[in-house]
């Protein structure tokens, strides 16, 4: 089966991580203004019930109302973990070859992760949000996470994963993936879909660089949900896709082992 896709040969997405009441509201409002100015609709990763002590801002009492406004604007709502409560874990298995030793998900059973997914999903639904995407804190998840995501389809709670290394969305182990090759925006010549990731601790130069990039290439940015909806996803990536994915995992795994 070949790809069936519409539109441009190169498409971009922006992913905003760590949305929660304790995030840096000033920086978040600034990036929201920039994205609205250029009509860019990002993926926004919402932490259902934040317990991460690194987020120290005073809780925004209006956070959930703001999140509902993002959804109304057509932003893709993603379930970003459950508590963002990290512990150390020795990476092992295919999905962790290049990832951090900090995790909220990896190492737990599929049943436990399934219950965490259901709990997080219901918390967001209780606040008026419907997540269509999932990504784990620190990019760290495992086979059991993917199995649990696949099982969510039986609850009519289908989500794709924003992660993985490829040039196009793909399907693996019964779950759809929207790959994330880079953090910082780049002008890329190869046909594909590229997601750029921004945390909520952006610095002055990050805002300037992002706006400069959007001035030139805003027309190439798409909603993640729209992109995923326009793909007839292959069960396998094909030879080139597999080479790219496995090569990046391998190279990043070597880098991670030296850190």
Protein backbone atom coordinates (compact mmCIF):
# COMPACT_ATOMS: atom_id res chain seq x y z
CA UNK A 1 0.00 0.00 0.00
CA UNK A 2 1.33 3.43 -0.90
CA UNK A 3 0.82 6.63 1.02
CA UNK A 4 -2.36 8.51 0.21
CA UNK A 5 -1.92 12.10 1.21
CA UNK A 6 -3.08 15.53 0.22
CA UNK A 7 -1.37 18.88 0.19
CA UNK A 8 2.28 19.80 0.33
CA UNK A 9 5.31 17.56 0.11
CA UNK A 10 6.71 18.97 3.35
CA UNK A 11 4.48 19.65 6.34
CA UNK A 12 5.29 20.82 9.85
CA UNK A 13 3.66 20.55 13.27
CA UNK A 14 4.50 22.23 16.56
CA UNK A 15 4.16 20.36 19.83
CA UNK A 16 3.91 22.20 23.14
CA UNK A 17 4.80 20.10 26.18
CA UNK A 18 3.91 20.25 29.87
CA UNK A 19 0.68 22.24 29.91
CA UNK A 20 -0.66 22.30 33.47
CA UNK A 21 -1.90 24.82 36.05
CA UNK A 22 1.67 25.20 37.41
CA UNK A 23 3.32 25.98 34.05
CA UNK A 24 4.95 29.33 33.26
CA UNK A 25 1.79 31.16 32.23
CA UNK A 26 3.63 34.25 30.96
CA UNK A 27 5.82 32.29 28.55
CA UNK A 28 2.91 30.13 27.49
CA UNK A 29 0.77 33.19 26.68
CA UNK A 30 3.63 34.58 24.62
CA UNK A 31 3.99 31.50 22.44
CA UNK A 32 0.20 31.32 22.10
CA UNK A 33 0.15 34.87 20.74
CA UNK A 34 2.84 33.99 18.20
CA UNK A 35 1.02 30.85 17.06
CA UNK A 36 -2.31 32.68 16.78
CA UNK A 37 -0.65 35.45 14.78
CA UNK A 38 0.48 32.96 12.14
CA UNK A 39 -2.61 30.75 12.43
CA UNK A 40 -0.63 27.71 13.59
CA UNK A 41 -2.54 25.07 15.55
CA UNK A 42 -0.16 22.97 17.67
CA UNK A 43 -0.38 19.74 19.58
CA UNK A 44 -0.62 20.69 23.24
CA UNK A 45 0.38 18.08 25.80
CA UNK A 46 -1.81 18.45 28.89
CA UNK A 47 -0.75 16.82 32.16
CA UNK A 48 -4.00 15.52 33.71
CA UNK A 49 -2.94 15.88 37.36
CA UNK A 50 0.49 17.44 37.73
CA UNK A 51 2.69 16.30 40.63
CA UNK A 52 6.06 17.26 39.16
CA UNK A 53 7.93 19.37 41.76
CA UNK A 54 9.92 21.08 39.00
CA UNK A 55 6.84 23.10 38.04
CA UNK A 56 6.85 25.71 40.75
CA UNK A 57 4.66 28.52 39.39
CA UNK A 58 1.56 29.47 41.34
CA UNK A 59 -1.33 27.41 40.00
CA UNK A 60 -3.41 29.22 37.38
CA UNK A 61 -7.03 28.97 38.50
CA UNK A 62 -8.18 29.59 34.93
CA UNK A 63 -6.00 26.92 33.36
CA UNK A 64 -8.74 24.48 32.40
CA UNK A 65 -10.86 27.21 30.85
CA UNK A 66 -7.84 28.24 28.78
CA UNK A 67 -7.29 24.62 27.73
CA UNK A 68 -10.87 24.39 26.52
CA UNK A 69 -10.29 27.54 24.46
CA UNK A 70 -7.27 25.86 22.84
CA UNK A 71 -9.51 22.97 21.86
CA UNK A 72 -12.09 25.35 20.40
CA UNK A 73 -9.34 26.96 18.30
CA UNK A 74 -8.58 23.58 16.74
CA UNK A 75 -5.47 22.76 18.75
CA UNK A 76 -4.80 19.04 19.08
CA UNK A 77 -5.18 17.96 22.71
CA UNK A 78 -2.69 15.32 23.84
CA UNK A 79 -2.66 13.28 27.02
CA UNK A 80 0.82 14.00 28.40
CA UNK A 81 1.33 11.24 30.94
CA UNK A 82 -0.73 11.22 34.11
CA UNK A 83 1.12 13.00 36.94
CA UNK A 84 4.44 13.80 35.21
CA UNK A 85 5.92 12.14 38.28
CA UNK A 86 9.29 10.74 37.19
CA UNK A 87 11.42 7.91 38.50
CA UNK A 88 14.64 6.32 37.28
CA UNK A 89 14.43 3.31 35.03
CA UNK A 90 17.06 1.37 33.12
CA UNK A 91 16.10 1.75 29.44
CA UNK A 92 15.52 -1.53 27.63
CA UNK A 93 13.64 -2.71 24.57
CA UNK A 94 13.03 -1.23 21.14
CA UNK A 95 11.06 1.86 22.14
CA UNK A 96 13.70 3.01 24.63
CA UNK A 97 16.88 2.66 22.60
CA UNK A 98 17.43 6.41 22.50
CA UNK A 99 15.45 7.67 25.43
CA UNK A 100 15.98 8.94 28.94
CA UNK A 101 16.41 6.92 32.13
CA UNK A 102 13.70 9.13 33.63
CA UNK A 103 10.18 7.85 33.09
CA UNK A 104 6.63 7.82 34.38
CA UNK A 105 5.53 4.88 32.23
CA UNK A 106 8.30 2.49 31.19
CA UNK A 107 8.78 -0.62 33.27
CA UNK A 108 5.19 -0.87 34.45
CA UNK A 109 2.87 -3.62 33.27
CA UNK A 110 0.50 -3.09 30.36
CA UNK A 111 -2.44 -3.45 32.76
CA UNK A 112 -1.10 -0.74 35.08
CA UNK A 113 -0.37 1.57 32.17
CA UNK A 114 -3.83 0.95 30.75
CA UNK A 115 -5.38 2.02 34.04
CA UNK A 116 -3.15 5.13 34.06
CA UNK A 117 -4.30 5.97 30.53
CA UNK A 118 -7.96 5.57 31.46
CA UNK A 119 -7.53 7.71 34.57
CA UNK A 120 -5.74 10.47 32.68
CA UNK A 121 -8.24 10.36 29.84
CA UNK A 122 -11.19 10.66 32.20
CA UNK A 123 -9.58 13.58 34.07
CA UNK A 124 -9.23 15.51 30.81
CA UNK A 125 -12.76 14.59 29.76
CA UNK A 126 -13.99 15.86 33.12
CA UNK A 127 -12.46 19.23 32.26
CA UNK A 128 -14.12 19.29 28.84
CA UNK A 129 -11.12 18.07 26.81
CA UNK A 130 -10.98 15.16 24.37
CA UNK A 131 -7.43 13.97 23.76
CA UNK A 132 -6.70 12.41 20.38
CA UNK A 133 -2.96 11.99 20.97
CA UNK A 134 -0.63 10.67 23.67
CA UNK A 135 3.00 11.29 24.47
CA UNK A 136 4.99 10.26 27.52
CA UNK A 137 7.13 12.56 29.69
CA UNK A 138 10.80 12.51 28.62
CA UNK A 139 9.79 10.57 25.48
CA UNK A 140 10.17 7.46 27.64
CA UNK A 141 7.70 4.64 27.10
CA UNK A 142 7.90 0.95 26.23
CA UNK A 143 6.09 -1.93 24.54
CA UNK A 144 3.57 -2.08 27.38
CA UNK A 145 2.67 1.58 26.80
CA UNK A 146 1.98 0.91 23.14
CA UNK A 147 -0.06 -2.17 24.02
CA UNK A 148 -2.10 -0.11 26.49
CA UNK A 149 -2.69 2.63 23.90
CA UNK A 150 -3.90 -0.02 21.45
CA UNK A 151 -6.28 -1.37 24.10
CA UNK A 152 -7.82 2.08 24.57
CA UNK A 153 -9.52 1.66 21.18
CA UNK A 154 -11.93 -0.79 22.81
CA UNK A 155 -13.03 2.05 25.10
CA UNK A 156 -13.62 4.26 22.04
CA UNK A 157 -10.70 6.37 23.26
CA UNK A 158 -8.40 6.08 20.24
CA UNK A 159 -5.16 8.04 20.43
CA UNK A 160 -2.06 8.14 18.26
CA UNK A 161 1.41 8.64 19.71
CA UNK A 162 3.46 11.76 19.07
CA UNK A 163 6.90 10.16 18.99
CA UNK A 164 9.12 7.88 16.97
CA UNK A 165 11.60 8.48 14.16
CA UNK A 166 10.41 8.47 10.56
CA UNK A 167 9.61 10.82 7.69
CA UNK A 168 5.88 10.05 7.68
CA UNK A 169 3.21 8.87 10.08
CA UNK A 170 3.22 5.10 10.39
CA UNK A 171 1.62 2.24 12.25
CA UNK A 172 3.43 -0.15 14.58
CA UNK A 173 2.05 -2.73 17.00
CA UNK A 174 -1.50 -1.62 16.26
CA UNK A 175 -0.88 2.08 17.09
CA UNK A 176 -0.48 5.08 14.78
CA UNK A 177 2.62 7.25 15.26
CA UNK A 178 3.27 10.87 14.30
CA UNK A 179 7.10 10.99 14.39
CA UNK A 180 9.18 13.67 16.14
CA UNK A 181 12.61 13.93 14.57
CA UNK A 182 13.62 17.40 15.78
CA UNK A 183 13.06 19.90 18.57
CA UNK A 184 14.05 23.16 16.87
CA UNK A 185 12.39 24.10 13.55
CA UNK A 186 14.49 23.45 10.46
CA UNK A 187 13.77 23.97 6.77
CA UNK A 188 13.90 20.42 5.50
CA UNK A 189 14.19 19.32 1.87
CA UNK A 190 12.92 15.74 2.16
CA UNK A 191 9.23 14.99 1.68
CA UNK A 192 7.71 14.26 5.07
CA UNK A 193 5.91 15.45 8.17
CA UNK A 194 8.07 17.02 10.88
CA UNK A 195 7.02 17.83 14.44
CA UNK A 196 9.00 20.44 16.37
CA UNK A 197 8.85 20.23 20.15
CA UNK A 198 8.79 23.15 22.58
CA UNK A 199 8.72 22.85 26.40
CA UNK A 200 7.30 25.60 28.59
CA UNK A 201 10.76 26.93 29.58
CA UNK A 202 11.48 28.70 26.30
CA UNK A 203 14.14 31.42 26.38
CA UNK A 204 14.19 34.79 24.61
CA UNK A 205 16.16 33.45 21.65
CA UNK A 206 13.68 30.60 21.25
CA UNK A 207 10.76 32.97 20.78
CA UNK A 208 12.71 35.09 18.29
CA UNK A 209 13.82 32.06 16.28
CA UNK A 210 10.32 30.57 16.19
CA UNK A 211 8.70 33.78 14.98
CA UNK A 212 11.35 34.27 12.33
CA UNK A 213 10.75 30.72 11.10
CA UNK A 214 6.98 31.19 11.03
CA UNK A 215 7.31 34.39 9.04
CA UNK A 216 8.86 32.33 6.26
CA UNK A 217 7.12 28.99 6.52
CA UNK A 218 3.81 29.38 8.36
CA UNK A 219 1.93 28.08 5.31
CA UNK A 220 3.62 24.68 5.75
CA UNK A 221 2.30 24.12 9.28
CA UNK A 222 -0.71 21.87 9.78
CA UNK A 223 -2.85 20.57 12.59
CA UNK A 224 -1.66 17.14 13.71
CA UNK A 225 -5.22 15.80 13.77
CA UNK A 226 -5.76 16.96 10.20
CA UNK A 227 -2.55 15.33 9.01
CA UNK A 228 -3.33 12.04 10.72
CA UNK A 229 -6.86 12.12 9.33
CA UNK A 230 -5.60 12.51 5.77
CA UNK A 231 -3.27 9.53 5.84
CA UNK A 232 -4.05 6.03 4.84
CA UNK A 233 -1.56 4.55 7.27
CA UNK A 234 0.66 1.67 6.26
CA UNK A 235 1.10 -1.27 8.62
CA UNK A 236 4.77 -1.14 7.71
CA UNK A 237 6.91 1.85 6.79
CA UNK A 238 8.70 0.29 3.87
CA UNK A 239 12.43 -0.34 3.56
CA UNK A 240 13.55 3.32 3.53
CA UNK A 241 11.37 4.19 6.50
CA UNK A 242 12.71 1.30 8.53
CA UNK A 243 16.31 2.18 7.71
CA UNK A 244 15.79 5.78 8.82
CA UNK A 245 13.95 4.82 12.01
CA UNK A 246 16.39 2.12 13.12
CA UNK A 247 19.43 4.24 12.23
CA UNK A 248 18.24 7.15 14.36
CA UNK A 249 17.38 4.88 17.28
CA UNK A 250 20.80 3.28 17.02
CA UNK A 251 22.75 6.55 16.79
CA UNK A 252 20.83 8.18 19.61
CA UNK A 253 21.25 5.04 21.66
CA UNK A 254 25.03 5.30 21.29
CA UNK A 255 24.89 8.95 22.30
CA UNK A 256 22.69 8.15 25.31
CA UNK A 257 25.04 5.42 26.49
CA UNK A 258 27.91 7.92 26.64
CA UNK A 259 26.00 10.52 28.67
